[in-house]
């Protein structure tokens, strides 16, 4: 076999250690997909997002939550290539990717916690505005931490 065809093998313990980090990424992705929905629009009980009336049509809190979730995912899709490109071309004494992880991970954690801290615990439009602020910022910092990690 020629030297060009040979690939450097990564030790198994190092591969397992690296791959275990993705477990945390998936737990956060699952959490952000499930927990806010259960918290803000429960199956039983009172939704924390008040219905909104637009041009005489009443839009239920569940629909509004779905729209916000979708907008958050759109922000995520738009900022993925942008953050990826930035981390590919970033140079520092700490490397290309680590500064993104150090900045993105704590802020992602902060916004994950802020999901559970609505301005009011009663049905309110304030909770809708709160989520409209929190969702995009969470996904920006999620991408800031995760995309460079996956590129390592």
N, C-alpha and C. Protein backbone atom coordinates (compact mmCIF):
# COMPACT_ATOMS: atom_id res chain seq x y z
N UNK A 1 0.85 -1.18 0.00
CA UNK A 1 0.00 0.00 0.00
C UNK A 1 0.89 1.24 0.00
N UNK A 2 0.61 2.19 -0.84
CA UNK A 2 1.44 3.39 -0.91
C UNK A 2 1.18 4.29 0.30
N UNK A 3 2.13 5.18 0.52
CA UNK A 3 2.01 6.08 1.67
C UNK A 3 0.83 7.03 1.52
N UNK A 4 0.46 7.35 0.28
CA UNK A 4 -0.66 8.26 0.06
C UNK A 4 -1.98 7.63 0.48
N UNK A 5 -2.11 6.33 0.34
CA UNK A 5 -3.36 5.65 0.65
C UNK A 5 -3.50 5.32 2.14
N UNK A 6 -2.40 5.35 2.87
CA UNK A 6 -2.46 5.03 4.29
C UNK A 6 -2.97 6.24 5.06
N UNK A 7 -3.88 5.98 5.97
CA UNK A 7 -4.39 7.05 6.82
C UNK A 7 -3.88 6.81 8.22
N UNK A 8 -3.60 7.90 8.91
CA UNK A 8 -3.15 7.81 10.29
C UNK A 8 -4.33 7.35 11.15
N UNK A 9 -4.15 6.29 11.88
CA UNK A 9 -5.23 5.75 12.72
C UNK A 9 -5.25 6.47 14.06
N UNK A 10 -6.44 6.79 14.49
CA UNK A 10 -6.63 7.43 15.79
C UNK A 10 -6.81 6.32 16.81
N UNK A 11 -6.12 6.42 17.95
CA UNK A 11 -6.32 5.40 18.99
C UNK A 11 -7.78 5.32 19.43
N UNK A 12 -8.25 4.13 19.75
CA UNK A 12 -9.66 3.90 20.09
C UNK A 12 -10.10 4.76 21.27
N UNK A 13 -9.28 4.85 22.31
CA UNK A 13 -9.69 5.64 23.48
C UNK A 13 -9.85 7.12 23.12
N UNK A 14 -9.02 7.64 22.23
CA UNK A 14 -9.14 9.03 21.80
C UNK A 14 -10.40 9.21 20.95
N UNK A 15 -10.71 8.26 20.09
CA UNK A 15 -11.92 8.34 19.26
C UNK A 15 -13.17 8.30 20.12
N UNK A 16 -13.19 7.44 21.14
CA UNK A 16 -14.35 7.34 22.04
C UNK A 16 -14.51 8.64 22.82
N UNK A 17 -13.42 9.20 23.29
CA UNK A 17 -13.47 10.44 24.05
C UNK A 17 -14.02 11.58 23.19
N UNK A 18 -13.55 11.68 21.96
CA UNK A 18 -14.03 12.72 21.06
C UNK A 18 -15.51 12.52 20.73
N UNK A 19 -15.89 11.30 20.44
CA UNK A 19 -17.28 11.01 20.07
C UNK A 19 -18.24 11.23 21.24
N UNK A 20 -17.77 11.05 22.46
CA UNK A 20 -18.64 11.22 23.62
C UNK A 20 -19.11 12.67 23.76
N UNK A 21 -18.37 13.61 23.22
CA UNK A 21 -18.79 15.00 23.25
C UNK A 21 -20.07 15.23 22.45
N UNK A 22 -20.30 14.42 21.44
CA UNK A 22 -21.50 14.59 20.64
C UNK A 22 -22.75 14.15 21.39
N UNK A 23 -22.58 13.31 22.41
CA UNK A 23 -23.72 12.93 23.24
C UNK A 23 -24.32 14.18 23.89
N UNK A 24 -23.46 15.05 24.39
CA UNK A 24 -23.93 16.29 25.00
C UNK A 24 -24.61 17.19 23.99
N UNK A 25 -24.07 17.25 22.78
CA UNK A 25 -24.68 18.06 21.72
C UNK A 25 -26.08 17.55 21.44
N UNK A 26 -26.24 16.25 21.34
CA UNK A 26 -27.56 15.69 21.05
C UNK A 26 -28.53 15.89 22.21
N UNK A 27 -28.04 15.84 23.43
CA UNK A 27 -28.92 16.08 24.58
C UNK A 27 -29.44 17.52 24.57
N UNK A 28 -28.57 18.46 24.22
CA UNK A 28 -29.01 19.85 24.14
C UNK A 28 -30.00 20.03 22.99
N UNK A 29 -29.70 19.42 21.85
CA UNK A 29 -30.61 19.53 20.70
C UNK A 29 -31.97 18.92 21.04
N UNK A 30 -31.99 17.80 21.73
CA UNK A 30 -33.25 17.19 22.15
C UNK A 30 -33.97 18.09 23.14
N UNK A 31 -33.22 18.62 24.09
CA UNK A 31 -33.82 19.47 25.12
C UNK A 31 -34.48 20.70 24.52
N UNK A 32 -33.80 21.33 23.58
CA UNK A 32 -34.36 22.55 23.00
C UNK A 32 -35.56 22.24 22.13
N UNK A 33 -35.65 21.02 21.63
CA UNK A 33 -36.80 20.63 20.82
C UNK A 33 -38.01 20.22 21.64
N UNK A 34 -37.78 19.77 22.87
CA UNK A 34 -38.87 19.22 23.67
C UNK A 34 -39.25 20.07 24.89
N UNK A 35 -38.27 20.47 25.65
CA UNK A 35 -38.56 21.11 26.94
C UNK A 35 -39.34 22.42 26.80
N UNK A 36 -38.93 23.36 25.93
CA UNK A 36 -39.73 24.59 25.84
C UNK A 36 -41.17 24.33 25.42
N UNK A 37 -41.37 23.37 24.55
CA UNK A 37 -42.74 23.07 24.12
C UNK A 37 -43.56 22.56 25.29
N UNK A 38 -43.01 21.66 26.07
CA UNK A 38 -43.72 21.13 27.23
C UNK A 38 -43.95 22.23 28.26
N UNK A 39 -42.98 23.11 28.39
CA UNK A 39 -43.05 24.17 29.40
C UNK A 39 -44.02 25.28 29.00
N UNK A 40 -43.97 25.72 27.75
CA UNK A 40 -44.79 26.86 27.32
C UNK A 40 -46.15 26.46 26.77
N UNK A 41 -46.27 25.26 26.22
CA UNK A 41 -47.53 24.81 25.64
C UNK A 41 -47.80 23.39 26.12
N UNK A 42 -48.15 23.22 27.40
CA UNK A 42 -48.36 21.86 27.92
C UNK A 42 -49.62 21.22 27.32
N UNK A 43 -49.60 19.90 27.31
CA UNK A 43 -50.76 19.16 26.81
C UNK A 43 -51.95 19.40 27.73
N UNK A 44 -51.70 19.37 29.01
CA UNK A 44 -52.74 19.66 29.99
C UNK A 44 -52.32 20.89 30.77
N UNK A 45 -53.26 21.68 31.14
CA UNK A 45 -52.94 22.89 31.89
C UNK A 45 -53.02 24.12 31.00
N UNK A 46 -52.48 25.21 31.50
CA UNK A 46 -52.58 26.49 30.83
C UNK A 46 -51.28 26.79 30.08
N UNK A 47 -51.39 27.14 28.82
CA UNK A 47 -50.23 27.53 28.03
C UNK A 47 -49.73 28.90 28.50
N UNK A 48 -48.42 29.08 28.53
CA UNK A 48 -47.85 30.35 28.95
C UNK A 48 -47.85 31.39 27.84
N UNK A 49 -48.18 30.97 26.63
CA UNK A 49 -48.27 31.90 25.51
C UNK A 49 -49.75 32.18 25.26
N UNK A 50 -50.12 33.43 25.43
CA UNK A 50 -51.53 33.81 25.26
C UNK A 50 -51.89 33.78 23.77
N UNK A 51 -53.13 33.42 23.47
CA UNK A 51 -53.58 33.49 22.07
C UNK A 51 -53.49 34.93 21.55
N UNK A 52 -53.25 35.06 20.28
CA UNK A 52 -53.09 36.36 19.66
C UNK A 52 -54.20 36.54 18.62
N UNK A 53 -54.81 37.72 18.59
CA UNK A 53 -55.85 38.00 17.61
C UNK A 53 -55.28 38.92 16.54
N UNK A 54 -55.28 38.43 15.30
CA UNK A 54 -54.78 39.21 14.17
C UNK A 54 -55.87 39.26 13.11
N UNK A 55 -56.31 40.45 12.76
CA UNK A 55 -57.37 40.65 11.77
C UNK A 55 -58.61 39.81 12.09
N UNK A 56 -58.94 39.72 13.37
CA UNK A 56 -60.13 39.01 13.79
C UNK A 56 -59.94 37.51 13.95
N UNK A 57 -58.79 36.98 13.55
CA UNK A 57 -58.53 35.54 13.70
C UNK A 57 -57.72 35.31 14.96
N UNK A 58 -58.14 34.33 15.74
CA UNK A 58 -57.44 33.99 16.97
C UNK A 58 -56.40 32.91 16.65
N UNK A 59 -55.15 33.20 16.99
CA UNK A 59 -54.06 32.24 16.78
C UNK A 59 -53.67 31.70 18.14
N UNK A 60 -53.81 30.39 18.31
CA UNK A 60 -53.54 29.76 19.60
C UNK A 60 -52.04 29.79 19.92
N UNK A 61 -51.77 29.71 21.21
CA UNK A 61 -50.39 29.74 21.69
C UNK A 61 -49.51 28.65 21.10
N UNK A 62 -50.08 27.47 20.87
CA UNK A 62 -49.31 26.37 20.29
C UNK A 62 -48.82 26.69 18.89
N UNK A 63 -49.66 27.33 18.10
CA UNK A 63 -49.26 27.73 16.74
C UNK A 63 -48.17 28.80 16.80
N UNK A 64 -48.34 29.75 17.70
CA UNK A 64 -47.33 30.81 17.85
C UNK A 64 -46.00 30.22 18.29
N UNK A 65 -46.05 29.26 19.20
CA UNK A 65 -44.82 28.60 19.64
C UNK A 65 -44.16 27.90 18.46
N UNK A 66 -44.93 27.22 17.64
CA UNK A 66 -44.38 26.53 16.47
C UNK A 66 -43.73 27.49 15.50
N UNK A 67 -44.34 28.66 15.31
CA UNK A 67 -43.77 29.67 14.43
C UNK A 67 -42.43 30.15 14.97
N UNK A 68 -42.37 30.41 16.28
CA UNK A 68 -41.11 30.85 16.88
C UNK A 68 -40.04 29.77 16.80
N UNK A 69 -40.42 28.54 17.01
CA UNK A 69 -39.47 27.43 16.90
C UNK A 69 -38.94 27.36 15.47
N UNK A 70 -39.83 27.50 14.50
CA UNK A 70 -39.40 27.49 13.11
C UNK A 70 -38.47 28.64 12.78
N UNK A 71 -38.77 29.84 13.29
CA UNK A 71 -37.90 30.99 13.05
C UNK A 71 -36.52 30.78 13.68
N UNK A 72 -36.50 30.17 14.87
CA UNK A 72 -35.22 29.85 15.50
C UNK A 72 -34.40 28.90 14.64
N UNK A 73 -35.06 27.92 14.05
CA UNK A 73 -34.37 26.96 13.18
C UNK A 73 -33.89 27.63 11.89
N UNK A 74 -34.64 28.60 11.39
CA UNK A 74 -34.20 29.33 10.21
C UNK A 74 -32.93 30.12 10.53
N UNK A 75 -32.91 30.79 11.68
CA UNK A 75 -31.71 31.49 12.12
C UNK A 75 -30.54 30.51 12.22
N UNK A 76 -30.81 29.33 12.76
CA UNK A 76 -29.78 28.29 12.88
C UNK A 76 -29.25 27.90 11.50
N UNK A 77 -30.13 27.74 10.55
CA UNK A 77 -29.70 27.36 9.20
C UNK A 77 -28.91 28.45 8.50
N UNK A 78 -29.24 29.70 8.78
CA UNK A 78 -28.53 30.81 8.15
C UNK A 78 -27.16 31.02 8.79
N UNK A 79 -27.08 30.88 10.11
CA UNK A 79 -25.80 31.18 10.75
C UNK A 79 -24.82 30.00 10.73
N UNK A 80 -25.26 28.79 10.41
CA UNK A 80 -24.34 27.64 10.33
C UNK A 80 -23.20 27.88 9.34
N UNK A 81 -23.48 28.19 8.09
CA UNK A 81 -22.36 28.39 7.16
C UNK A 81 -21.51 29.61 7.52
N UNK A 82 -22.14 30.64 8.06
CA UNK A 82 -21.41 31.85 8.43
C UNK A 82 -20.41 31.56 9.55
N UNK A 83 -20.87 30.90 10.62
CA UNK A 83 -19.99 30.56 11.74
C UNK A 83 -18.94 29.55 11.29
N UNK A 84 -19.34 28.58 10.48
CA UNK A 84 -18.38 27.60 9.97
C UNK A 84 -17.27 28.26 9.18
N UNK A 85 -17.63 29.20 8.32
CA UNK A 85 -16.63 29.92 7.53
C UNK A 85 -15.72 30.75 8.44
N UNK A 86 -16.32 31.40 9.43
CA UNK A 86 -15.50 32.19 10.36
C UNK A 86 -14.51 31.30 11.10
N UNK A 87 -14.94 30.15 11.57
CA UNK A 87 -14.02 29.28 12.32
C UNK A 87 -12.97 28.66 11.41
N UNK A 88 -13.29 28.46 10.14
CA UNK A 88 -12.30 27.93 9.20
C UNK A 88 -11.16 28.92 8.96
N UNK A 89 -11.48 30.21 8.99
CA UNK A 89 -10.49 31.22 8.67
C UNK A 89 -9.95 31.96 9.89
N UNK A 90 -10.38 31.58 11.06
CA UNK A 90 -9.96 32.25 12.29
C UNK A 90 -8.58 31.77 12.71
N UNK A 91 -7.75 32.66 13.16
CA UNK A 91 -6.40 32.31 13.63
C UNK A 91 -6.20 32.93 15.00
N UNK A 92 -5.73 32.13 15.93
CA UNK A 92 -5.36 32.63 17.25
C UNK A 92 -4.32 31.69 17.85
N UNK A 93 -3.74 32.09 18.94
CA UNK A 93 -2.74 31.22 19.58
C UNK A 93 -3.40 29.99 20.21
N UNK A 94 -4.72 30.02 20.35
CA UNK A 94 -5.45 28.88 20.91
C UNK A 94 -5.97 27.94 19.82
N UNK A 95 -5.76 28.30 18.58
CA UNK A 95 -6.24 27.49 17.46
C UNK A 95 -7.43 28.15 16.78
N UNK A 96 -7.95 27.46 15.79
CA UNK A 96 -9.06 28.03 15.03
C UNK A 96 -10.39 27.81 15.71
N UNK A 97 -10.58 26.68 16.38
CA UNK A 97 -11.91 26.28 16.86
C UNK A 97 -12.15 26.57 18.34
N UNK A 98 -11.14 26.43 19.17
CA UNK A 98 -11.33 26.53 20.62
C UNK A 98 -11.93 27.85 21.08
N UNK A 99 -11.54 29.00 20.54
CA UNK A 99 -12.19 30.25 21.00
C UNK A 99 -13.70 30.25 20.77
N UNK A 100 -14.15 29.63 19.70
CA UNK A 100 -15.59 29.56 19.44
C UNK A 100 -16.28 28.70 20.49
N UNK A 101 -15.64 27.61 20.88
CA UNK A 101 -16.21 26.74 21.91
C UNK A 101 -16.26 27.46 23.25
N UNK A 102 -15.19 28.15 23.58
CA UNK A 102 -15.10 28.83 24.88
C UNK A 102 -16.13 29.96 24.98
N UNK A 103 -16.40 30.64 23.89
CA UNK A 103 -17.39 31.72 23.90
C UNK A 103 -18.81 31.18 23.75
N UNK A 104 -19.02 30.25 22.82
CA UNK A 104 -20.35 29.78 22.51
C UNK A 104 -20.99 28.89 23.55
N UNK A 105 -20.21 27.99 24.16
CA UNK A 105 -20.80 27.02 25.10
C UNK A 105 -21.43 27.67 26.33
N UNK A 106 -20.74 28.59 27.03
CA UNK A 106 -21.40 29.20 28.20
C UNK A 106 -22.63 30.02 27.83
N UNK A 107 -22.56 30.74 26.71
CA UNK A 107 -23.71 31.55 26.31
C UNK A 107 -24.87 30.67 25.86
N UNK A 108 -24.57 29.56 25.21
CA UNK A 108 -25.61 28.60 24.85
C UNK A 108 -26.28 28.07 26.12
N UNK A 109 -25.48 27.73 27.12
CA UNK A 109 -26.02 27.26 28.39
C UNK A 109 -26.88 28.31 29.07
N UNK A 110 -26.44 29.56 29.02
CA UNK A 110 -27.22 30.65 29.61
C UNK A 110 -28.58 30.75 28.96
N UNK A 111 -28.62 30.75 27.64
CA UNK A 111 -29.90 30.89 26.95
C UNK A 111 -30.76 29.64 27.09
N UNK A 112 -30.14 28.48 27.29
CA UNK A 112 -30.92 27.27 27.57
C UNK A 112 -31.64 27.42 28.91
N UNK A 113 -30.95 27.98 29.90
CA UNK A 113 -31.57 28.22 31.21
C UNK A 113 -32.64 29.30 31.11
N UNK A 114 -32.40 30.33 30.30
CA UNK A 114 -33.37 31.42 30.17
C UNK A 114 -34.70 30.97 29.57
N UNK A 115 -34.69 29.84 28.85
CA UNK A 115 -35.95 29.30 28.35
C UNK A 115 -36.92 29.01 29.49
N UNK A 116 -36.39 28.63 30.63
CA UNK A 116 -37.25 28.24 31.76
C UNK A 116 -37.56 29.41 32.68
N UNK A 117 -37.25 30.63 32.25
CA UNK A 117 -37.47 31.81 33.08
C UNK A 117 -38.32 32.85 32.34
N UNK A 118 -39.58 32.51 32.03
CA UNK A 118 -40.41 33.48 31.32
C UNK A 118 -40.70 34.70 32.19
N UNK A 119 -41.01 35.82 31.58
CA UNK A 119 -41.28 37.03 32.36
C UNK A 119 -42.48 36.88 33.29
N UNK A 120 -43.45 36.09 32.88
CA UNK A 120 -44.62 35.87 33.72
C UNK A 120 -45.03 34.40 33.63
N UNK A 121 -45.61 33.89 34.67
CA UNK A 121 -46.05 32.50 34.68
C UNK A 121 -47.55 32.37 34.40
N UNK A 122 -48.09 33.40 33.82
CA UNK A 122 -49.48 33.43 33.37
C UNK A 122 -49.47 33.54 31.85
N UNK A 123 -50.55 33.14 31.19
CA UNK A 123 -50.61 33.33 29.73
C UNK A 123 -50.43 34.81 29.39
N UNK A 124 -49.44 35.10 28.56
CA UNK A 124 -49.13 36.49 28.26
C UNK A 124 -48.40 36.61 26.93
N UNK A 125 -48.61 37.74 26.28
CA UNK A 125 -47.87 38.05 25.06
C UNK A 125 -46.41 38.31 25.38
N UNK A 126 -46.11 38.71 26.63
CA UNK A 126 -44.72 38.92 27.04
C UNK A 126 -43.90 37.63 26.90
N UNK A 127 -44.52 36.51 27.18
CA UNK A 127 -43.82 35.24 27.04
C UNK A 127 -43.50 34.95 25.58
N UNK A 128 -44.39 35.36 24.69
CA UNK A 128 -44.14 35.20 23.26
C UNK A 128 -42.96 36.08 22.83
N UNK A 129 -42.93 37.30 23.29
CA UNK A 129 -41.83 38.22 22.97
C UNK A 129 -40.52 37.68 23.55
N UNK A 130 -40.59 37.16 24.77
CA UNK A 130 -39.42 36.56 25.42
C UNK A 130 -38.85 35.43 24.56
N UNK A 131 -39.70 34.54 24.10
CA UNK A 131 -39.24 33.44 23.26
C UNK A 131 -38.71 33.93 21.92
N UNK A 132 -39.31 34.98 21.38
CA UNK A 132 -38.84 35.55 20.11
C UNK A 132 -37.42 36.10 20.26
N UNK A 133 -37.05 36.48 21.46
CA UNK A 133 -35.71 36.96 21.76
C UNK A 133 -34.76 35.80 22.05
N UNK A 134 -35.22 34.84 22.86
CA UNK A 134 -34.38 33.75 23.33
C UNK A 134 -34.06 32.73 22.23
N UNK A 135 -35.04 32.33 21.45
CA UNK A 135 -34.82 31.28 20.44
C UNK A 135 -33.68 31.61 19.47
N UNK A 136 -33.70 32.75 18.79
CA UNK A 136 -32.60 33.01 17.85
C UNK A 136 -31.25 33.10 18.52
N UNK A 137 -31.19 33.74 19.68
CA UNK A 137 -29.89 33.86 20.37
C UNK A 137 -29.37 32.50 20.82
N UNK A 138 -30.27 31.65 21.29
CA UNK A 138 -29.82 30.30 21.66
C UNK A 138 -29.20 29.61 20.45
N UNK A 139 -29.88 29.66 19.31
CA UNK A 139 -29.37 28.95 18.14
C UNK A 139 -28.09 29.57 17.60
N UNK A 140 -27.90 30.86 17.74
CA UNK A 140 -26.64 31.48 17.32
C UNK A 140 -25.50 30.95 18.17
N UNK A 141 -25.69 30.88 19.49
CA UNK A 141 -24.62 30.40 20.35
C UNK A 141 -24.47 28.88 20.29
N UNK A 142 -25.55 28.17 20.01
CA UNK A 142 -25.47 26.73 19.78
C UNK A 142 -24.56 26.47 18.58
N UNK A 143 -24.78 27.20 17.50
CA UNK A 143 -23.95 27.06 16.31
C UNK A 143 -22.52 27.48 16.59
N UNK A 144 -22.34 28.57 17.36
CA UNK A 144 -21.00 29.05 17.68
C UNK A 144 -20.19 27.98 18.40
N UNK A 145 -20.83 27.20 19.25
CA UNK A 145 -20.12 26.15 19.98
C UNK A 145 -20.04 24.84 19.20
N UNK A 146 -21.11 24.44 18.56
CA UNK A 146 -21.20 23.08 17.99
C UNK A 146 -20.54 22.97 16.62
N UNK A 147 -20.74 23.93 15.74
CA UNK A 147 -20.19 23.81 14.39
C UNK A 147 -18.66 23.69 14.40
N UNK A 148 -17.94 24.53 15.13
CA UNK A 148 -16.48 24.35 15.18
C UNK A 148 -16.08 23.03 15.85
N UNK A 149 -16.86 22.59 16.85
CA UNK A 149 -16.56 21.31 17.49
C UNK A 149 -16.66 20.17 16.46
N UNK A 150 -17.69 20.17 15.67
CA UNK A 150 -17.87 19.11 14.68
C UNK A 150 -16.82 19.18 13.57
N UNK A 151 -16.24 20.36 13.35
CA UNK A 151 -15.21 20.50 12.31
C UNK A 151 -13.83 20.09 12.81
N UNK A 152 -13.68 19.88 14.10
CA UNK A 152 -12.37 19.50 14.65
C UNK A 152 -11.93 18.13 14.18
